[in-house]
């Protein structure tokens, strides 16, 4: 999907990209391509699949992002925030009594708080009684919802980004009828995500600028022999903003061509531009 604008962007705007890289060390060329294409001020990464001490900090700094907040583990999960400007109060948050590198947050110099999230995928069976991974996903969302609800305040300027592993709308999947019983699009997950969205009156930035029923996808399975021809996509990657930032949303771009890069992730970057105040 090409970039969409609600108004002209300015040099004072903030541009944030989110991308599930599915191994940062394998996607450094892709990260450079993202920077060349969209020049984000902040990049939020998920599924970095590297221990924090082995994260390629220098390579990211060389791309123009010396300020970094990282939580990671060898071979699984892992999230990061990379920024051109200084970050304050960078910290990781753990949910469900697991220190598994799924949530980091930091504040920009003007006070905007940025979150990078990797919600558990949930396994294959959408039954929390039979599938512990699905139960974990629902508990993760519930704990996160309660935490944001407890911090709710009218003037908060928060940006929530990441692979939320849920495609909530019919327009977010290639075939609603085929996927309504498939993990990532089931009614119980969609309801859980709606509660998270209501917890802080979040605005879904992509859908604010590209309303349904227009289709928007950010993920295509590796299983498809020709992902473009099949086009069986889902919108799993999100950028949300609190009310204090919602009116300043200016543009969104989904870098679909990233799915064709050599050795691609199964996700593509999503970039949102907004006013800082």
Foldseek 3Di string as FASTA:
>chain_A
DFKFWPDDDDPQWAKEKEEAFLACVVCLVVVLVCCVVPVGQKYKYKFNQPAPVPPPQVSLVVSQFNEKAWHADHGTIIIMMTGNAHWAPWDADDFPPDSHHAKIWTAGPVGEIEMEGDQQLQDWACDVVVGVSNVSRLRRLVVLLVVLLVVADQQHKYKYWYQNNAQQDCLQWPHCVVPCRTRRHDPVSNVSVVSSCVSHVKDFLVCVRVPPPHHDFFFFDPPDPDCVVVVGGGHRITMITGPNWNVFWTMKGWPVCQCVDVPGDRGTMIMTMGRPD
